[in-house]
Amino acid sequence: MNEGNTAFFYAAASGNVKIAQLMLKKDSNLAMIPGRQNVLPIHIAALLGHGKMVRWLYKETKNIAIDLVKAKPGLATEKDRKNETALHAFARKPRNDKPATPCSPWMKLC
């Protein structure tokens, strides 16, 4: 059971693609290590509106994306108290890579 977030998780949450790239070169499994409440780095990046990070993580992990959704379908369908998925939150964010304003219970994951 995971009790905390990795440094890679925090890099994804901050939207710092350059740091995440350096870390992933050292350990290619980092992108798939979930943080608190079983949230993956790509998921937290999407929830926080870091489009550049999400696109990069998706590109880096797309070979396993289908397996991931099959293994954890809740990642695509899990809803917060506002009845929204991570995709709802991401779609609402402007494409400017600025951090999202905390407005969801997902923000407590960081």
C-alpha atoms as a PDB file:
ATOM      1  CA  MET A   1       0.000   0.000   0.000  1.00  0.00           C
ATOM      2  CA  ASN A   2       1.367   3.397  -0.992  1.00  0.00           C
ATOM      3  CA  GLU A   3       1.515   5.835   1.887  1.00  0.00           C
ATOM      4  CA  GLY A   4       2.881   8.867   0.091  1.00  0.00           C
ATOM      5  CA  ASN A   5       3.826  10.571  -3.115  1.00  0.00           C
ATOM      6  CA  THR A   6       7.089  10.129  -4.991  1.00  0.00           C
ATOM      7  CA  ALA A   7       9.292  13.009  -6.118  1.00  0.00           C
ATOM      8  CA  PHE A   8       8.135  12.196  -9.655  1.00  0.00           C
ATOM      9  CA  PHE A   9       4.519  12.598  -8.553  1.00  0.00           C
ATOM     10  CA  TYR A  10       5.375  16.085  -7.248  1.00  0.00           C
ATOM     11  CA  ALA A  11       7.166  16.933 -10.498  1.00  0.00           C
ATOM     12  CA  ALA A  12       4.017  15.949 -12.406  1.00  0.00           C
ATOM     13  CA  ALA A  13       1.831  17.924  -9.987  1.00  0.00           C
ATOM     14  CA  SER A  14       4.024  21.003 -10.456  1.00  0.00           C
ATOM     15  CA  GLY A  15       3.984  20.719 -14.244  1.00  0.00           C
ATOM     16  CA  ASN A  16       7.796  20.730 -14.453  1.00  0.00           C
ATOM     17  CA  VAL A  17       8.320  18.616 -17.567  1.00  0.00           C
ATOM     18  CA  LYS A  18      12.088  19.131 -17.661  1.00  0.00           C
ATOM     19  CA  ILE A  19      12.570  17.666 -14.167  1.00  0.00           C
ATOM     20  CA  ALA A  20      10.172  14.816 -14.930  1.00  0.00           C
ATOM     21  CA  GLN A  21      12.118  13.984 -18.100  1.00  0.00           C
ATOM     22  CA  LEU A  22      15.376  13.744 -16.170  1.00  0.00           C
ATOM     23  CA  MET A  23      13.778  11.547 -13.524  1.00  0.00           C
ATOM     24  CA  LEU A  24      12.120   9.226 -16.055  1.00  0.00           C
ATOM     25  CA  LYS A  25      15.473   8.701 -17.798  1.00  0.00           C
ATOM     26  CA  LYS A  26      16.795   7.270 -14.519  1.00  0.00           C
ATOM     27  CA  ASP A  27      13.780   5.041 -13.859  1.00  0.00           C
ATOM     28  CA  SER A  28      11.206   4.405 -16.578  1.00  0.00           C
ATOM     29  CA  ASN A  29       8.732   2.985 -14.040  1.00  0.00           C
ATOM     30  CA  LEU A  30       8.236   6.271 -12.183  1.00  0.00           C
ATOM     31  CA  ALA A  31       5.300   7.397 -14.323  1.00  0.00           C
ATOM     32  CA  MET A  32       3.315   4.364 -13.224  1.00  0.00           C
ATOM     33  CA  ILE A  33       3.876   4.613  -9.466  1.00  0.00           C
ATOM     34  CA  PRO A  34       0.680   5.913  -7.854  1.00  0.00           C
ATOM     35  CA  GLY A  35       0.692   8.433  -5.060  1.00  0.00           C
ATOM     36  CA  ARG A  36      -1.756   8.869  -2.216  1.00  0.00           C
ATOM     37  CA  GLN A  37      -5.212   7.487  -2.820  1.00  0.00           C
ATOM     38  CA  ASN A  38      -3.801   5.474  -5.750  1.00  0.00           C
ATOM     39  CA  VAL A  39      -3.570   8.516  -8.066  1.00  0.00           C
ATOM     40  CA  LEU A  40      -1.072   8.326 -10.922  1.00  0.00           C
ATOM     41  CA  PRO A  41       1.198  11.242 -11.886  1.00  0.00           C
ATOM     42  CA  ILE A  42      -0.631  11.788 -15.206  1.00  0.00           C
ATOM     43  CA  HIS A  43      -3.936  11.941 -13.348  1.00  0.00           C
ATOM     44  CA  ILE A  44      -2.770  14.619 -10.900  1.00  0.00           C
ATOM     45  CA  ALA A  45      -1.201  16.613 -13.741  1.00  0.00           C
ATOM     46  CA  ALA A  46      -4.554  16.571 -15.571  1.00  0.00           C
ATOM     47  CA  LEU A  47      -6.482  17.508 -12.448  1.00  0.00           C
ATOM     48  CA  LEU A  48      -4.181  20.480 -11.879  1.00  0.00           C
ATOM     49  CA  GLY A  49      -4.439  21.645 -15.488  1.00  0.00           C
ATOM     50  CA  HIS A  50      -0.851  20.973 -16.579  1.00  0.00           C
ATOM     51  CA  GLY A  51      -1.564  20.248 -20.242  1.00  0.00           C
ATOM     52  CA  LYS A  52       2.063  20.165 -21.325  1.00  0.00           C
ATOM     53  CA  MET A  53       2.863  17.594 -18.617  1.00  0.00           C
ATOM     54  CA  VAL A  54      -0.190  15.477 -19.456  1.00  0.00           C
ATOM     55  CA  ARG A  55       0.685  15.435 -23.160  1.00  0.00           C
ATOM     56  CA  TRP A  56       4.294  14.497 -22.407  1.00  0.00           C
ATOM     57  CA  LEU A  57       3.342  11.788 -19.894  1.00  0.00           C
ATOM     58  CA  TYR A  58       0.783  10.369 -22.284  1.00  0.00           C
ATOM     59  CA  LYS A  59       3.382  10.236 -25.058  1.00  0.00           C
ATOM     60  CA  GLU A  60       5.830   8.514 -22.726  1.00  0.00           C
ATOM     61  CA  THR A  61       3.300   6.007 -21.422  1.00  0.00           C
ATOM     62  CA  LYS A  62       0.938   5.513 -24.379  1.00  0.00           C
ATOM     63  CA  ASN A  63       2.176   1.973 -24.979  1.00  0.00           C
ATOM     64  CA  ILE A  64       0.678   0.996 -21.638  1.00  0.00           C
ATOM     65  CA  ALA A  65      -2.322   3.351 -21.618  1.00  0.00           C
ATOM     66  CA  ILE A  66      -4.786   0.725 -22.802  1.00  0.00           C
ATOM     67  CA  ASP A  67      -3.534  -1.790 -20.259  1.00  0.00           C
ATOM     68  CA  LEU A  68      -3.806   0.873 -17.550  1.00  0.00           C
ATOM     69  CA  VAL A  69      -7.431   1.674 -18.334  1.00  0.00           C
ATOM     70  CA  LYS A  70      -8.219  -2.036 -18.457  1.00  0.00           C
ATOM     71  CA  ALA A  71      -6.509  -2.586 -15.105  1.00  0.00           C
ATOM     72  CA  LYS A  72      -7.884   0.568 -13.432  1.00  0.00           C
ATOM     73  CA  PRO A  73     -11.018   1.687 -15.289  1.00  0.00           C
ATOM     74  CA  GLY A  74     -11.882   3.980 -12.405  1.00  0.00           C
ATOM     75  CA  LEU A  75      -9.163   6.382 -13.551  1.00  0.00           C
ATOM     76  CA  ALA A  76     -11.326   7.294 -16.526  1.00  0.00           C
ATOM     77  CA  THR A  77     -14.673   7.308 -14.751  1.00  0.00           C
ATOM     78  CA  GLU A  78     -14.099   8.182 -11.084  1.00  0.00           C
ATOM     79  CA  LYS A  79     -15.978  11.335 -10.092  1.00  0.00           C
ATOM     80  CA  ASP A  80     -15.477  13.900  -7.372  1.00  0.00           C
ATOM     81  CA  ARG A  81     -18.195  15.421  -5.185  1.00  0.00           C
ATOM     82  CA  LYS A  82     -19.165  17.725  -8.081  1.00  0.00           C
ATOM     83  CA  ASN A  83     -19.821  14.632 -10.195  1.00  0.00           C
ATOM     84  CA  GLU A  84     -16.854  15.403 -12.466  1.00  0.00           C
ATOM     85  CA  THR A  85     -14.041  13.227 -13.746  1.00  0.00           C
ATOM     86  CA  ALA A  86     -10.428  14.314 -14.196  1.00  0.00           C
ATOM     87  CA  LEU A  87     -11.234  14.866 -17.869  1.00  0.00           C
ATOM     88  CA  HIS A  88     -13.919  17.406 -16.945  1.00  0.00           C
ATOM     89  CA  ALA A  89     -11.419  19.339 -14.848  1.00  0.00           C
ATOM     90  CA  PHE A  90      -8.790  19.177 -17.566  1.00  0.00           C
ATOM     91  CA  ALA A  91     -11.166  20.246 -20.346  1.00  0.00           C
ATOM     92  CA  ARG A  92     -12.141  23.376 -18.400  1.00  0.00           C
ATOM     93  CA  LYS A  93      -8.555  24.570 -18.035  1.00  0.00           C
ATOM     94  CA  PRO A  94      -7.115  27.061 -20.527  1.00  0.00           C
ATOM     95  CA  ARG A  95      -4.170  25.863 -22.614  1.00  0.00           C
ATOM     96  CA  ASN A  96      -1.586  28.042 -20.917  1.00  0.00           C
ATOM     97  CA  ASP A  97       0.113  25.609 -18.532  1.00  0.00           C
ATOM     98  CA  LYS A  98      -0.661  27.792 -15.516  1.00  0.00           C
ATOM     99  CA  PRO A  99      -1.610  25.845 -12.374  1.00  0.00           C
ATOM    100  CA  ALA A 100      -5.287  25.344 -11.777  1.00  0.00           C
ATOM    101  CA  THR A 101      -7.038  27.188  -9.019  1.00  0.00           C
ATOM    102  CA  PRO A 102      -7.785  24.728  -6.220  1.00  0.00           C
ATOM    103  CA  CYS A 103     -11.484  24.016  -6.511  1.00  0.00           C
ATOM    104  CA  SER A 104     -11.751  20.287  -6.188  1.00  0.00           C
ATOM    105  CA  PRO A 105     -11.170  17.679  -3.496  1.00  0.00           C
ATOM    106  CA  TRP A 106      -8.525  16.217  -5.849  1.00  0.00           C
ATOM    107  CA  MET A 107      -6.240  19.106  -4.898  1.00  0.00           C
ATOM    108  CA  LYS A 108      -5.635  17.572  -1.457  1.00  0.00           C
ATOM    109  CA  LEU A 109      -3.680  14.779  -3.132  1.00  0.00           C
ATOM    110  CA  CYS A 110      -0.587  16.941  -3.465  1.00  0.00           C
END
